[in-house]
Every structure is written in C-alpha cells, then in structure tokens.
C-alpha cells in the first residue's frame, strides 16, 4: 500500500544546450560519424583481393562473415575498436579497419540524404 500512496518527486534538471547551426557547420557535422559504410567498403575490397588465391579461402570467408555482421549491426559504429569487440568480426581485420578510418580523414564519412532512410 505504501507504493500506491507515495508521491513522485520531480527533480529539476538543467536544460540540455542545443548547438546552433553555425557551430555544427564549424565542427563539420556530427561529432562522431558512423563508419559502418567505410568498414564495409574496406572489407569488400579485402574479400575481392582474397578471392583470387585459393590459399586465402579462410580470409575470404571471414571477410564476408564480417561484412554481414557489420551490415546487420543495429547501432552506428564509431571506431575500429567497436568492431573488434563484436562477435563475428573480432580482431581478424582490426588493422585493416583501423587503416580505413585513418585514410578516411581526407574524405567525409558516408552520410545518406536526410529523410531518405528515416
């Protein structure tokens, strides 16, 4: 009965500051871009290189498995370390994904058109 008669107390919290469009433009968009697309491109190119050599069959299979796992992951991937902890990707392609992130500084991460997928 005590739970039914208890009154919920409202705790005042400070307002979350919203960033202006000028600040967002200045920092270049999102603070932590989604690198899922870059990772899929890097793993696809690795699989293409590995498919021509019969001795790299295991690398080809694990690259394809990693692509599927990353593509079906529900949350955005912000770093190569995040993919390393995923079951199905592991540390097999950590160096490759880390290089793909380092090489993507010159080009922007993939961002779909606003409203297209949401």
Foldseek 3Di string as FASTA:
>chain_A
DVVVPDDDDDDDDDDDDDDDPVVCVVVPHDPFDQQLVLLLVLLVVVLVVQVVDPVSVVSNVLSVQLNVQSVPDDDGDRALVVSCPDPSNHCPCSVSRNVSVVVCPVPDHDDDDPPPPD
